């Protein structure tokens, strides 16, 4: 038994994502979607897109996609399309996200909400928008549909939603991809915060967690974007370069 275990062997810091009553962190449920929204906001600054005039499409309306929609809506974005397993709804004038979130909570689907135009998930990906956020499946954007992608920036909220060959195509077309290891890092960041709180045996408020997450995500974005500019390379490659540099430098310091 170590210093963080009680007499029954309860060691909360060994696992994260716990209920609040068992040592979980405030803000963990929304963290991945919140981080996605923060990264989208920072990308808008870098590519000089007015967030309050931007149009956003989100493929996937689960935990990540729904929270991303909530926070982007609060930032002033117009969410024009969202989808779930039953299909997608689209309205170029914008979807009432607050009402949709309430509807989904009761119905467990977006299908049938307010008689919006119902289209396929595949068609949703090809609609014109400023930010396309694939937040559902891996390889959603691939060589079969990449030529029809019609957005200014792709924000990877799912794990690996853009295949390697599709990424090359998009790079040639000057459509930036903000990579998943940066975009959806909000969840693991707050999991780290949960671990720290457990070790300290001290709980942070939700506002403290959100403030710390904001700081981490903005800092991470800046590091990757600065590398992208310095090396004239895609954001995905820049993210790996930053990560490898950090591991390499830490290893050199450890082994002398």
C-alpha atoms as a PDB file:
ATOM      1  CA  UNK A   1       0.000   0.000   0.000  1.00  0.00           C
ATOM      2  CA  UNK A   2       1.435   3.387  -1.012  1.00  0.00           C
ATOM      3  CA  UNK A   3       0.943   6.778   0.607  1.00  0.00           C
ATOM      4  CA  UNK A   4      -2.066   7.566  -1.589  1.00  0.00           C
ATOM      5  CA  UNK A   5      -4.013   4.396  -0.745  1.00  0.00           C
ATOM      6  CA  UNK A   6      -6.367   3.989   2.174  1.00  0.00           C
ATOM      7  CA  UNK A   7      -6.637   0.866   4.316  1.00  0.00           C
ATOM      8  CA  UNK A   8      -8.966  -0.764   1.784  1.00  0.00           C
ATOM      9  CA  UNK A   9      -6.570  -0.169  -1.075  1.00  0.00           C
ATOM     10  CA  UNK A  10      -8.612   2.645  -2.653  1.00  0.00           C
ATOM     11  CA  UNK A  11      -6.269   4.548  -4.967  1.00  0.00           C
ATOM     12  CA  UNK A  12      -8.337   7.045  -6.989  1.00  0.00           C
ATOM     13  CA  UNK A  13      -5.398   8.392  -8.997  1.00  0.00           C
ATOM     14  CA  UNK A  14      -4.904   5.117 -10.899  1.00  0.00           C
ATOM     15  CA  UNK A  15      -7.891   5.754 -13.189  1.00  0.00           C
ATOM     16  CA  UNK A  16      -9.561   8.869 -14.556  1.00  0.00           C
ATOM     17  CA  UNK A  17     -13.003   9.734 -15.838  1.00  0.00           C
ATOM     18  CA  UNK A  18     -14.532   8.737 -12.513  1.00  0.00           C
ATOM     19  CA  UNK A  19     -17.847   9.999 -11.104  1.00  0.00           C
ATOM     20  CA  UNK A  20     -17.417  13.145  -9.019  1.00  0.00           C
ATOM     21  CA  UNK A  21     -18.332  11.179  -5.886  1.00  0.00           C
ATOM     22  CA  UNK A  22     -15.338   8.899  -6.442  1.00  0.00           C
ATOM     23  CA  UNK A  23     -12.798  11.612  -7.096  1.00  0.00           C
ATOM     24  CA  UNK A  24     -13.652  12.597 -10.663  1.00  0.00           C
ATOM     25  CA  UNK A  25     -12.935  16.083 -11.949  1.00  0.00           C
ATOM     26  CA  UNK A  26     -15.386  18.855 -12.614  1.00  0.00           C
ATOM     27  CA  UNK A  27     -15.514  19.676 -16.339  1.00  0.00           C
ATOM     28  CA  UNK A  28     -14.339  16.258 -17.542  1.00  0.00           C
ATOM     29  CA  UNK A  29     -17.501  15.372 -19.475  1.00  0.00           C
ATOM     30  CA  UNK A  30     -17.379  18.512 -21.620  1.00  0.00           C
ATOM     31  CA  UNK A  31     -13.601  18.741 -21.872  1.00  0.00           C
ATOM     32  CA  UNK A  32     -13.016  17.178 -25.302  1.00  0.00           C
ATOM     33  CA  UNK A  33     -15.761  19.239 -26.927  1.00  0.00           C
ATOM     34  CA  UNK A  34     -14.630  22.378 -25.126  1.00  0.00           C
ATOM     35  CA  UNK A  35     -11.056  21.798 -26.283  1.00  0.00           C
ATOM     36  CA  UNK A  36     -12.289  21.310 -29.856  1.00  0.00           C
ATOM     37  CA  UNK A  37     -14.095  24.646 -29.709  1.00  0.00           C
ATOM     38  CA  UNK A  38     -11.021  26.392 -28.300  1.00  0.00           C
ATOM     39  CA  UNK A  39      -8.798  25.010 -31.059  1.00  0.00           C
ATOM     40  CA  UNK A  40     -11.353  26.037 -33.700  1.00  0.00           C
ATOM     41  CA  UNK A  41     -11.349  29.554 -32.274  1.00  0.00           C
ATOM     42  CA  UNK A  42      -7.546  29.729 -32.346  1.00  0.00           C
ATOM     43  CA  UNK A  43      -7.447  28.401 -35.929  1.00  0.00           C
ATOM     44  CA  UNK A  44      -9.930  31.103 -36.939  1.00  0.00           C
ATOM     45  CA  UNK A  45      -7.466  33.711 -35.675  1.00  0.00           C
ATOM     46  CA  UNK A  46      -4.544  32.167 -37.566  1.00  0.00           C
ATOM     47  CA  UNK A  47      -6.416  31.951 -40.877  1.00  0.00           C
ATOM     48  CA  UNK A  48      -8.180  35.293 -40.332  1.00  0.00           C
ATOM     49  CA  UNK A  49     -11.720  33.941 -40.306  1.00  0.00           C
ATOM     50  CA  UNK A  50     -14.321  35.961 -38.408  1.00  0.00           C
ATOM     51  CA  UNK A  51     -15.699  33.388 -35.984  1.00  0.00           C
ATOM     52  CA  UNK A  52     -18.971  35.275 -35.543  1.00  0.00           C
ATOM     53  CA  UNK A  53     -19.596  35.091 -39.293  1.00  0.00           C
ATOM     54  CA  UNK A  54     -18.382  31.540 -39.782  1.00  0.00           C
ATOM     55  CA  UNK A  55     -20.408  28.475 -40.734  1.00  0.00           C
ATOM     56  CA  UNK A  56     -19.645  25.147 -39.079  1.00  0.00           C
ATOM     57  CA  UNK A  57     -20.566  21.555 -39.915  1.00  0.00           C
ATOM     58  CA  UNK A  58     -20.100  18.839 -37.302  1.00  0.00           C
ATOM     59  CA  UNK A  59     -20.216  15.179 -38.290  1.00  0.00           C
ATOM     60  CA  UNK A  60     -21.166  13.312 -35.131  1.00  0.00           C
ATOM     61  CA  UNK A  61     -23.320  14.633 -32.313  1.00  0.00           C
ATOM     62  CA  UNK A  62     -22.192  12.454 -29.440  1.00  0.00           C
ATOM     63  CA  UNK A  63     -20.323  13.718 -26.412  1.00  0.00           C
ATOM     64  CA  UNK A  64     -17.591  15.493 -28.390  1.00  0.00           C
ATOM     65  CA  UNK A  65     -19.680  16.868 -31.236  1.00  0.00           C
ATOM     66  CA  UNK A  66     -22.558  18.072 -29.091  1.00  0.00           C
ATOM     67  CA  UNK A  67     -20.339  19.941 -26.649  1.00  0.00           C
ATOM     68  CA  UNK A  68     -18.277  21.379 -29.494  1.00  0.00           C
ATOM     69  CA  UNK A  69     -21.511  22.650 -31.037  1.00  0.00           C
ATOM     70  CA  UNK A  70     -22.629  24.121 -27.716  1.00  0.00           C
ATOM     71  CA  UNK A  71     -19.428  26.093 -27.150  1.00  0.00           C
ATOM     72  CA  UNK A  72     -18.969  27.163 -30.778  1.00  0.00           C
ATOM     73  CA  UNK A  73     -22.554  28.393 -30.758  1.00  0.00           C
ATOM     74  CA  UNK A  74     -21.688  30.419 -27.647  1.00  0.00           C
ATOM     75  CA  UNK A  75     -18.666  31.843 -29.503  1.00  0.00           C
ATOM     76  CA  UNK A  76     -21.050  33.130 -32.164  1.00  0.00           C
ATOM     77  CA  UNK A  77     -20.536  30.524 -34.894  1.00  0.00           C
ATOM     78  CA  UNK A  78     -23.444  29.465 -37.070  1.00  0.00           C
ATOM     79  CA  UNK A  79     -23.817  25.683 -36.911  1.00  0.00           C
ATOM     80  CA  UNK A  80     -25.397  24.756 -40.241  1.00  0.00           C
ATOM     81  CA  UNK A  81     -25.166  20.967 -40.170  1.00  0.00           C
ATOM     82  CA  UNK A  82     -24.847  18.140 -37.665  1.00  0.00           C
ATOM     83  CA  UNK A  83     -25.270  14.379 -37.841  1.00  0.00           C
ATOM     84  CA  UNK A  84     -25.646  11.214 -35.824  1.00  0.00           C
ATOM     85  CA  UNK A  85     -26.061   7.540 -36.704  1.00  0.00           C
ATOM     86  CA  UNK A  86     -29.562   8.195 -38.085  1.00  0.00           C
ATOM     87  CA  UNK A  87     -28.453  10.822 -40.600  1.00  0.00           C
ATOM     88  CA  UNK A  88     -27.793  14.535 -40.760  1.00  0.00           C
ATOM     89  CA  UNK A  89     -29.790  17.746 -40.555  1.00  0.00           C
ATOM     90  CA  UNK A  90     -28.797  20.835 -42.487  1.00  0.00           C
ATOM     91  CA  UNK A  91     -29.881  24.466 -42.659  1.00  0.00           C
ATOM     92  CA  UNK A  92     -27.637  27.049 -44.284  1.00  0.00           C
ATOM     93  CA  UNK A  93     -29.244  29.736 -42.135  1.00  0.00           C
ATOM     94  CA  UNK A  94     -28.179  27.955 -38.954  1.00  0.00           C
ATOM     95  CA  UNK A  95     -29.576  25.371 -36.553  1.00  0.00           C
ATOM     96  CA  UNK A  96     -31.035  26.245 -33.153  1.00  0.00           C
ATOM     97  CA  UNK A  97     -28.355  24.444 -31.144  1.00  0.00           C
ATOM     98  CA  UNK A  98     -29.775  25.083 -27.670  1.00  0.00           C
ATOM     99  CA  UNK A  99     -33.120  23.574 -28.680  1.00  0.00           C
ATOM    100  CA  UNK A 100     -31.395  20.712 -30.499  1.00  0.00           C
ATOM    101  CA  UNK A 101     -29.387  19.806 -27.400  1.00  0.00           C
ATOM    102  CA  UNK A 102     -32.586  19.678 -25.346  1.00  0.00           C
ATOM    103  CA  UNK A 103     -34.339  17.627 -28.040  1.00  0.00           C
ATOM    104  CA  UNK A 104     -31.460  15.159 -28.277  1.00  0.00           C
ATOM    105  CA  UNK A 105     -31.342  14.696 -24.516  1.00  0.00           C
ATOM    106  CA  UNK A 106     -34.963  13.541 -24.564  1.00  0.00           C
ATOM    107  CA  UNK A 107     -35.041  11.719 -27.910  1.00  0.00           C
ATOM    108  CA  UNK A 108     -31.452  10.355 -27.998  1.00  0.00           C
ATOM    109  CA  UNK A 109     -31.309  11.365 -31.667  1.00  0.00           C
ATOM    110  CA  UNK A 110     -31.360  14.476 -33.816  1.00  0.00           C
ATOM    111  CA  UNK A 111     -33.709  12.895 -36.351  1.00  0.00           C
ATOM    112  CA  UNK A 112     -37.049  14.663 -36.533  1.00  0.00           C
ATOM    113  CA  UNK A 113     -35.865  17.883 -34.926  1.00  0.00           C
ATOM    114  CA  UNK A 114     -37.810  20.949 -36.125  1.00  0.00           C
ATOM    115  CA  UNK A 115     -38.309  19.533 -39.639  1.00  0.00           C
ATOM    116  CA  UNK A 116     -34.842  20.582 -40.788  1.00  0.00           C
ATOM    117  CA  UNK A 117     -33.673  19.160 -44.116  1.00  0.00           C
ATOM    118  CA  UNK A 118     -32.586  15.567 -43.558  1.00  0.00           C
ATOM    119  CA  UNK A 119     -29.564  14.470 -45.609  1.00  0.00           C
ATOM    120  CA  UNK A 120     -27.044  11.643 -45.459  1.00  0.00           C
ATOM    121  CA  UNK A 121     -23.853  11.737 -43.425  1.00  0.00           C
ATOM    122  CA  UNK A 122     -21.917  11.468 -46.685  1.00  0.00           C
ATOM    123  CA  UNK A 123     -23.670  14.480 -48.198  1.00  0.00           C
ATOM    124  CA  UNK A 124     -23.112  16.522 -45.048  1.00  0.00           C
ATOM    125  CA  UNK A 125     -19.335  16.260 -45.471  1.00  0.00           C
ATOM    126  CA  UNK A 126     -19.515  17.882 -48.911  1.00  0.00           C
ATOM    127  CA  UNK A 127     -21.562  20.957 -47.939  1.00  0.00           C
ATOM    128  CA  UNK A 128     -19.837  24.330 -48.170  1.00  0.00           C
ATOM    129  CA  UNK A 129     -18.684  25.710 -44.808  1.00  0.00           C
ATOM    130  CA  UNK A 130     -15.812  27.449 -43.055  1.00  0.00           C
ATOM    131  CA  UNK A 131     -15.069  24.727 -40.496  1.00  0.00           C
ATOM    132  CA  UNK A 132     -15.729  21.031 -41.074  1.00  0.00           C
ATOM    133  CA  UNK A 133     -15.455  19.084 -37.825  1.00  0.00           C
ATOM    134  CA  UNK A 134     -15.488  15.283 -38.242  1.00  0.00           C
ATOM    135  CA  UNK A 135     -16.276  14.132 -34.697  1.00  0.00           C
ATOM    136  CA  UNK A 136     -17.514  10.606 -35.308  1.00  0.00           C
ATOM    137  CA  UNK A 137     -15.539   7.941 -37.165  1.00  0.00           C
ATOM    138  CA  UNK A 138     -11.993   7.325 -38.285  1.00  0.00           C
ATOM    139  CA  UNK A 139     -11.278   7.624 -42.030  1.00  0.00           C
ATOM    140  CA  UNK A 140     -14.483   9.619 -42.607  1.00  0.00           C
ATOM    141  CA  UNK A 141     -12.612  11.755 -45.139  1.00  0.00           C
ATOM    142  CA  UNK A 142     -10.790   9.531 -47.593  1.00  0.00           C
ATOM    143  CA  UNK A 143      -9.793   9.234 -51.234  1.00  0.00           C
ATOM    144  CA  UNK A 144     -13.384   8.410 -52.129  1.00  0.00           C
ATOM    145  CA  UNK A 145     -14.825  11.749 -51.002  1.00  0.00           C
ATOM    146  CA  UNK A 146     -11.909  14.130 -50.506  1.00  0.00           C
ATOM    147  CA  UNK A 147     -12.347  15.791 -53.902  1.00  0.00           C
ATOM    148  CA  UNK A 148     -15.832  16.895 -52.822  1.00  0.00           C
ATOM    149  CA  UNK A 149     -14.764  18.467 -49.518  1.00  0.00           C
ATOM    150  CA  UNK A 150     -15.783  22.135 -49.618  1.00  0.00           C
ATOM    151  CA  UNK A 151     -14.545  23.814 -46.435  1.00  0.00           C
ATOM    152  CA  UNK A 152     -11.831  26.261 -45.454  1.00  0.00           C
ATOM    153  CA  UNK A 153     -10.422  24.280 -42.492  1.00  0.00           C
ATOM    154  CA  UNK A 154     -10.878  20.738 -41.178  1.00  0.00           C
ATOM    155  CA  UNK A 155     -10.849  20.344 -37.395  1.00  0.00           C
ATOM    156  CA  UNK A 156     -10.177  16.685 -36.502  1.00  0.00           C
ATOM    157  CA  UNK A 157     -12.258  15.999 -33.387  1.00  0.00           C
ATOM    158  CA  UNK A 158     -12.504  12.226 -33.950  1.00  0.00           C
ATOM    159  CA  UNK A 159      -9.467   9.958 -33.924  1.00  0.00           C
ATOM    160  CA  UNK A 160      -7.938   9.766 -37.408  1.00  0.00           C
ATOM    161  CA  UNK A 161     -10.937  11.060 -39.386  1.00  0.00           C
ATOM    162  CA  UNK A 162      -8.757  12.086 -42.371  1.00  0.00           C
ATOM    163  CA  UNK A 163      -6.713   9.367 -44.051  1.00  0.00           C
ATOM    164  CA  UNK A 164      -3.101   9.975 -45.039  1.00  0.00           C
ATOM    165  CA  UNK A 165      -3.760  10.077 -48.779  1.00  0.00           C
ATOM    166  CA  UNK A 166      -6.706  12.414 -48.288  1.00  0.00           C
ATOM    167  CA  UNK A 167      -4.517  14.679 -46.152  1.00  0.00           C
ATOM    168  CA  UNK A 168      -2.001  14.983 -49.004  1.00  0.00           C
ATOM    169  CA  UNK A 169      -4.823  15.950 -51.364  1.00  0.00           C
ATOM    170  CA  UNK A 170      -6.091  18.604 -48.950  1.00  0.00           C
ATOM    171  CA  UNK A 171      -2.590  20.005 -48.401  1.00  0.00           C
ATOM    172  CA  UNK A 172      -2.245  20.485 -52.170  1.00  0.00           C
ATOM    173  CA  UNK A 173      -5.602  22.269 -52.189  1.00  0.00           C
ATOM    174  CA  UNK A 174      -4.452  24.482 -49.295  1.00  0.00           C
ATOM    175  CA  UNK A 175      -7.156  23.218 -46.937  1.00  0.00           C
ATOM    176  CA  UNK A 176      -5.550  23.048 -43.476  1.00  0.00           C
ATOM    177  CA  UNK A 177      -6.167  20.082 -41.182  1.00  0.00           C
ATOM    178  CA  UNK A 178      -5.931  20.769 -37.467  1.00  0.00           C
ATOM    179  CA  UNK A 179      -4.838  17.307 -36.245  1.00  0.00           C
ATOM    180  CA  UNK A 180      -6.667  15.106 -33.805  1.00  0.00           C
ATOM    181  CA  UNK A 181      -3.768  14.855 -31.339  1.00  0.00           C
ATOM    182  CA  UNK A 182      -4.137  18.592 -30.813  1.00  0.00           C
ATOM    183  CA  UNK A 183      -7.865  19.139 -31.343  1.00  0.00           C
ATOM    184  CA  UNK A 184      -9.262  16.422 -29.092  1.00  0.00           C
ATOM    185  CA  UNK A 185      -6.621  16.675 -26.378  1.00  0.00           C
ATOM    186  CA  UNK A 186      -9.020  18.449 -24.018  1.00  0.00           C
ATOM    187  CA  UNK A 187     -10.297  15.184 -22.605  1.00  0.00           C
ATOM    188  CA  UNK A 188      -6.925  13.688 -21.750  1.00  0.00           C
ATOM    189  CA  UNK A 189      -5.775  17.056 -20.413  1.00  0.00           C
ATOM    190  CA  UNK A 190      -8.610  17.160 -17.902  1.00  0.00           C
ATOM    191  CA  UNK A 191      -7.945  13.495 -17.111  1.00  0.00           C
ATOM    192  CA  UNK A 192      -4.438  14.634 -16.206  1.00  0.00           C
ATOM    193  CA  UNK A 193      -5.993  17.374 -14.060  1.00  0.00           C
ATOM    194  CA  UNK A 194      -8.093  14.704 -12.352  1.00  0.00           C
ATOM    195  CA  UNK A 195      -4.976  12.680 -11.574  1.00  0.00           C
ATOM    196  CA  UNK A 196      -3.245  15.752 -10.135  1.00  0.00           C
ATOM    197  CA  UNK A 197      -6.250  16.567  -7.962  1.00  0.00           C
ATOM    198  CA  UNK A 198      -6.365  12.984  -6.670  1.00  0.00           C
ATOM    199  CA  UNK A 199      -2.679  13.083  -5.766  1.00  0.00           C
ATOM    200  CA  UNK A 200      -3.123  16.398  -3.978  1.00  0.00           C
ATOM    201  CA  UNK A 201      -6.385  15.227  -2.372  1.00  0.00           C
ATOM    202  CA  UNK A 202      -7.810  18.611  -3.306  1.00  0.00           C
ATOM    203  CA  UNK A 203     -10.644  19.418  -5.740  1.00  0.00           C
ATOM    204  CA  UNK A 204     -10.652  22.313  -8.180  1.00  0.00           C
ATOM    205  CA  UNK A 205     -13.852  24.104  -9.140  1.00  0.00           C
ATOM    206  CA  UNK A 206     -15.234  23.742 -12.647  1.00  0.00           C
ATOM    207  CA  UNK A 207     -14.197  27.300 -13.470  1.00  0.00           C
ATOM    208  CA  UNK A 208     -10.642  26.527 -12.340  1.00  0.00           C
ATOM    209  CA  UNK A 209     -10.547  23.386 -14.496  1.00  0.00           C
ATOM    210  CA  UNK A 210     -11.892  25.252 -17.520  1.00  0.00           C
ATOM    211  CA  UNK A 211      -9.410  28.082 -17.043  1.00  0.00           C
ATOM    212  CA  UNK A 212      -6.481  25.651 -16.834  1.00  0.00           C
ATOM    213  CA  UNK A 213      -7.762  23.737 -19.883  1.00  0.00           C
ATOM    214  CA  UNK A 214      -8.050  26.972 -21.864  1.00  0.00           C
ATOM    215  CA  UNK A 215      -4.452  27.861 -21.025  1.00  0.00           C
ATOM    216  CA  UNK A 216      -3.113  24.423 -21.989  1.00  0.00           C
ATOM    217  CA  UNK A 217      -5.006  24.222 -25.268  1.00  0.00           C
ATOM    218  CA  UNK A 218      -4.032  27.732 -26.382  1.00  0.00           C
ATOM    219  CA  UNK A 219      -0.386  27.081 -25.518  1.00  0.00           C
ATOM    220  CA  UNK A 220      -0.394  23.756 -27.372  1.00  0.00           C
ATOM    221  CA  UNK A 221      -1.980  25.315 -30.445  1.00  0.00           C
ATOM    222  CA  UNK A 222       0.588  28.119 -30.495  1.00  0.00           C
ATOM    223  CA  UNK A 223       3.490  25.653 -30.311  1.00  0.00           C
ATOM    224  CA  UNK A 224       2.156  23.621 -33.235  1.00  0.00           C
ATOM    225  CA  UNK A 225       1.223  26.644 -35.348  1.00  0.00           C
ATOM    226  CA  UNK A 226       4.620  28.277 -34.764  1.00  0.00           C
ATOM    227  CA  UNK A 227       6.305  25.048 -35.905  1.00  0.00           C
ATOM    228  CA  UNK A 228       4.037  24.927 -38.971  1.00  0.00           C
ATOM    229  CA  UNK A 229       5.074  28.459 -39.932  1.00  0.00           C
ATOM    230  CA  UNK A 230       8.769  27.940 -39.182  1.00  0.00           C
ATOM    231  CA  UNK A 231       9.005  24.720 -41.224  1.00  0.00           C
ATOM    232  CA  UNK A 232       6.305  25.501 -43.824  1.00  0.00           C
ATOM    233  CA  UNK A 233       4.704  22.157 -43.131  1.00  0.00           C
ATOM    234  CA  UNK A 234       1.131  20.938 -42.518  1.00  0.00           C
ATOM    235  CA  UNK A 235      -0.261  21.247 -38.994  1.00  0.00           C
ATOM    236  CA  UNK A 236      -0.381  17.452 -38.682  1.00  0.00           C
ATOM    237  CA  UNK A 237       3.351  17.138 -39.377  1.00  0.00           C
ATOM    238  CA  UNK A 238       4.091  20.149 -37.181  1.00  0.00           C
ATOM    239  CA  UNK A 239       2.284  18.508 -34.255  1.00  0.00           C
ATOM    240  CA  UNK A 240       4.446  15.386 -34.579  1.00  0.00           C
ATOM    241  CA  UNK A 241       7.583  17.525 -34.859  1.00  0.00           C
ATOM    242  CA  UNK A 242       6.749  19.338 -31.614  1.00  0.00           C
ATOM    243  CA  UNK A 243       6.046  16.048 -29.854  1.00  0.00           C
ATOM    244  CA  UNK A 244       9.193  14.317 -31.089  1.00  0.00           C
ATOM    245  CA  UNK A 245      11.330  17.324 -30.167  1.00  0.00           C
ATOM    246  CA  UNK A 246       9.997  17.230 -26.611  1.00  0.00           C
ATOM    247  CA  UNK A 247      10.610  13.515 -26.204  1.00  0.00           C
ATOM    248  CA  UNK A 248      14.073  13.831 -27.712  1.00  0.00           C
ATOM    249  CA  UNK A 249      15.063  16.753 -25.499  1.00  0.00           C
ATOM    250  CA  UNK A 250      13.778  15.024 -22.365  1.00  0.00           C
ATOM    251  CA  UNK A 251      15.685  11.855 -23.252  1.00  0.00           C
ATOM    252  CA  UNK A 252      18.919  13.762 -23.803  1.00  0.00           C
ATOM    253  CA  UNK A 253      18.559  15.501 -20.447  1.00  0.00           C
ATOM    254  CA  UNK A 254      17.884  12.202 -18.673  1.00  0.00           C
ATOM    255  CA  UNK A 255      20.783  10.227 -20.146  1.00  0.00           C
ATOM    256  CA  UNK A 256      23.210  13.142 -20.277  1.00  0.00           C
END
